[in-house]
Protein backbone atom coordinates (compact mmCIF):
# COMPACT_ATOMS: atom_id res chain seq x y z
CA MET A 1 31.41 -61.84 17.30
CA ALA A 2 33.85 -58.98 16.99
CA LYS A 3 37.24 -59.57 15.35
CA LEU A 4 40.71 -58.08 15.31
CA TYR A 5 41.65 -57.04 11.78
CA PHE A 6 45.15 -56.25 10.55
CA LYS A 7 45.17 -54.27 7.31
CA TYR A 8 48.77 -54.09 6.15
CA SER A 9 50.74 -52.95 3.14
CA SER A 10 53.85 -51.19 2.01
CA MET A 11 53.89 -47.41 2.11
CA ASN A 12 51.67 -45.30 -0.15
CA ALA A 13 48.88 -47.87 -0.37
CA GLY A 14 46.20 -45.75 1.30
CA LYS A 15 46.05 -47.30 4.78
CA SER A 16 45.31 -44.02 6.55
CA LEU A 17 42.81 -43.06 3.87
CA ASP A 18 41.03 -46.40 4.35
CA LEU A 19 40.93 -45.82 8.11
CA ILE A 20 39.48 -42.31 7.64
CA LYS A 21 36.84 -43.68 5.24
CA SER A 22 35.91 -46.58 7.52
CA ASN A 23 35.64 -44.29 10.54
CA PHE A 24 33.38 -41.96 8.55
CA ASN A 25 31.02 -44.86 7.88
CA TYR A 26 30.60 -45.39 11.62
CA VAL A 27 30.28 -41.70 12.49
CA GLU A 28 27.73 -41.12 9.71
CA ARG A 29 25.50 -43.70 11.41
CA ASN A 30 25.92 -42.03 14.84
CA LEU A 31 28.15 -44.84 16.10
CA ARG A 32 31.09 -44.03 18.38
CA THR A 33 34.67 -44.95 17.60
CA ILE A 34 38.03 -44.61 19.27
CA ILE A 35 41.02 -43.85 17.07
CA PHE A 36 44.59 -44.46 18.17
CA THR A 37 47.80 -43.58 16.37
CA SER A 38 51.46 -43.85 17.23
CA ALA A 39 53.14 -40.94 18.99
CA ILE A 40 56.27 -41.80 16.97
CA ASP A 41 54.91 -40.35 13.72
CA ASP A 42 54.07 -36.73 14.49
CA ARG A 43 54.89 -35.25 11.07
CA TRP A 44 51.36 -33.83 10.80
CA GLY A 45 51.08 -32.86 14.44
CA LYS A 46 50.33 -34.63 17.69
CA ASP A 47 47.07 -36.60 17.85
CA LYS A 48 46.54 -36.55 14.07
CA ILE A 49 46.14 -39.07 11.29
CA TYR A 50 46.88 -37.65 7.88
CA SER A 51 46.51 -39.26 4.47
CA ARG A 52 48.39 -38.33 1.34
CA ALA A 53 44.96 -37.51 -0.14
CA GLU A 54 45.07 -34.56 2.30
CA LEU A 55 42.35 -35.80 4.62
CA SER A 56 42.99 -35.86 8.35
CA LEU A 57 41.39 -37.10 11.52
CA ASP A 58 41.93 -36.46 15.22
CA ALA A 59 43.31 -39.43 17.13
CA ILE A 60 44.79 -40.41 20.47
CA SER A 61 48.57 -40.70 20.28
CA VAL A 62 49.98 -43.73 22.07
CA ASN A 63 53.51 -44.34 23.25
CA PRO A 64 54.82 -47.78 24.28
CA ALA A 65 53.60 -47.31 27.87
CA PHE A 66 50.02 -46.38 26.89
CA ASP A 67 47.39 -49.00 27.82
CA MET A 68 44.71 -49.05 25.13
CA PHE A 69 42.65 -51.70 26.95
CA ASP A 70 42.38 -49.54 30.10
CA TYR A 71 41.56 -46.47 28.02
CA VAL A 72 38.69 -48.26 26.25
CA LYS A 73 37.50 -49.77 29.54
CA GLN A 74 37.26 -46.30 31.10
CA ARG A 75 35.42 -44.86 28.10
CA LEU A 76 32.92 -47.75 28.23
CA GLU A 77 31.90 -46.62 31.72
CA SER A 78 30.22 -43.55 30.21
CA GLU A 79 29.43 -44.43 26.58
CA SER A 80 29.12 -47.21 24.03
CA ILE A 81 32.02 -47.80 21.66
CA HIS A 82 31.27 -49.47 18.34
CA CYS A 83 34.74 -49.78 16.78
CA VAL A 84 38.39 -49.16 17.63
CA PHE A 85 40.82 -48.05 14.91
CA VAL A 86 44.62 -48.02 15.13
CA ASP A 87 46.89 -46.29 12.61
CA GLU A 88 50.66 -46.94 12.39
CA ALA A 89 50.12 -50.25 14.19
CA GLN A 90 53.60 -51.49 13.25
CA PHE A 91 54.91 -49.31 16.11
CA LEU A 92 52.84 -51.08 18.78
CA THR A 93 54.50 -53.30 21.36
CA LYS A 94 53.64 -56.97 21.81
CA GLN A 95 51.74 -56.01 24.98
CA GLN A 96 49.70 -53.40 23.11
CA VAL A 97 48.72 -55.91 20.43
CA TYR A 98 47.62 -58.20 23.26
CA GLN A 99 45.54 -55.29 24.60
CA LEU A 100 43.81 -55.08 21.22
CA THR A 101 42.92 -58.78 21.44
CA GLU A 102 41.48 -58.11 24.90
CA ILE A 103 39.36 -55.22 23.57
CA VAL A 104 37.89 -57.62 21.02
CA ASP A 105 37.53 -60.63 23.33
CA ARG A 106 36.35 -58.90 26.53
CA PHE A 107 34.25 -56.06 25.11
CA ASN A 108 33.18 -57.55 21.76
CA ILE A 109 34.32 -54.40 19.92
CA PRO A 110 35.64 -54.78 16.36
CA THR A 111 39.20 -53.48 16.22
CA ILE A 112 40.93 -52.56 12.98
CA ALA A 113 44.69 -51.99 12.97
CA TYR A 114 46.51 -50.51 9.98
CA GLY A 115 50.25 -50.68 9.47
CA LEU A 116 53.33 -51.68 7.59
CA ARG A 117 54.27 -55.32 7.59
CA THR A 118 58.05 -54.91 7.27
CA ASP A 119 60.75 -52.29 7.64
CA PHE A 120 63.26 -51.12 5.01
CA LEU A 121 65.43 -54.20 5.63
CA GLY A 122 62.52 -56.59 5.07
CA ASN A 123 62.19 -57.42 8.78
CA LEU A 124 58.92 -57.46 10.69
CA PHE A 125 58.12 -54.62 13.04
CA GLU A 126 57.20 -55.76 16.56
CA GLY A 127 53.57 -54.67 16.27
CA SER A 128 53.20 -56.23 12.83
CA GLN A 129 54.73 -59.52 13.98
CA TRP A 130 52.13 -59.95 16.71
CA LEU A 131 49.24 -58.68 14.61
CA LEU A 132 50.14 -61.23 11.93
CA ALA A 133 50.19 -63.90 14.65
CA TRP A 134 47.07 -62.91 16.62
CA ALA A 135 44.67 -61.05 14.32
CA ASP A 136 41.49 -62.84 13.30
CA VAL A 137 41.55 -61.35 9.80
CA LEU A 138 44.57 -60.35 7.72
CA ASP A 139 43.85 -58.00 4.84
CA GLU A 140 46.53 -56.78 2.44
CA ILE A 141 45.99 -53.33 0.97
CA ARG A 142 47.75 -53.30 -2.36
CA THR A 143 49.81 -50.71 -4.16
CA ILE A 144 52.22 -50.91 -7.07
CA CYS A 145 55.94 -50.57 -7.72
CA TRP A 146 57.20 -48.23 -10.41
CA CYS A 147 57.36 -51.35 -12.68
CA GLU A 148 53.60 -51.91 -12.14
CA LYS A 149 54.05 -55.14 -10.14
CA LYS A 150 52.62 -55.36 -6.62
CA ALA A 151 54.76 -53.38 -4.17
CA THR A 152 55.43 -55.34 -0.98
CA PHE A 153 58.62 -53.69 0.31
CA ASN A 154 59.60 -50.28 1.63
CA MET A 155 62.95 -49.23 0.24
CA ARG A 156 64.76 -46.52 2.20
CA VAL A 157 66.56 -44.22 -0.21
CA GLN A 158 69.08 -41.43 -0.01
CA ASP A 159 70.33 -39.51 -3.03
CA GLY A 160 68.42 -41.92 -5.27
CA LYS A 161 70.15 -45.03 -3.88
CA LYS A 162 68.95 -47.86 -1.63
CA VAL A 163 70.00 -47.61 2.03
CA MET A 164 70.69 -50.90 3.87
CA GLU A 165 71.73 -49.71 7.32
CA GLY A 166 70.39 -47.50 10.05
CA GLU A 167 67.75 -47.48 12.76
CA GLN A 168 64.65 -49.55 12.12
CA ILE A 169 62.42 -46.54 12.67
CA LEU A 170 63.10 -43.39 10.69
CA VAL A 171 59.84 -41.56 10.14
CA GLY A 172 59.40 -40.18 6.66
CA GLY A 173 57.40 -40.31 3.49
CA ASN A 174 58.23 -40.09 -0.18
CA ASP A 175 61.39 -38.18 0.75
CA LEU A 176 62.88 -41.30 2.39
CA TYR A 177 61.01 -44.34 1.09
CA LEU A 178 59.82 -46.00 -2.11
CA SER A 179 57.23 -48.75 -2.28
CA VAL A 180 58.71 -51.42 -4.53
CA CYS A 181 58.26 -55.04 -5.56
CA ARG A 182 60.50 -57.70 -4.03
CA LYS A 183 62.71 -57.95 -7.13
CA HIS A 184 63.50 -54.24 -7.21
CA TRP A 185 63.97 -54.18 -3.42
CA LYS A 186 66.55 -56.98 -3.74
CA ASP A 187 68.21 -55.33 -6.77
CA GLY A 188 68.09 -51.85 -5.21
CA LYS A 189 66.56 -50.39 -8.36
CA THR A 190 64.75 -47.14 -7.60
CA LYS A 191 63.56 -46.37 -11.14
CA PRO A 192 63.71 -47.61 -14.74
CA GLU A 193 67.03 -47.20 -16.49
């Protein structure tokens, strides 16, 4: 039986790299995949997944109105699909996460979603909330804080200081965010003294 997987972490843990590697394993065996990513994060171009290891992959950009279930259903009319991948899954809507469960349950296609668990304030993203609730398998991808403890929070920073207000979604990388442990997120420490 196929399952819905949610692979989550803080930033800089290698989620996109893991997706690219997993997709390669399917493609190398002549198996077909569908790859979705959020239209919100277009730093590397539209319809692209990019890892900090400088590997990239073409993908289908989805906005909140995009129906992934219908897209997969249409593709299945002309070809077999062996796995569905989703990058930046924290930006999905509740309805889109439900669509992923339908892809698994109706078509028996393994579906692997990658994303952040929480935002810079420590709150769940909508997509992450429903993936945590509905996924069959939860898998944490680990990375470390500057203190070498496990990083579980994304600290938004400006001029070297923690930011605690603003829009939930502000797309950026190392220029705007640090992956830190809970203690340093609470303390607002961005580096050793």
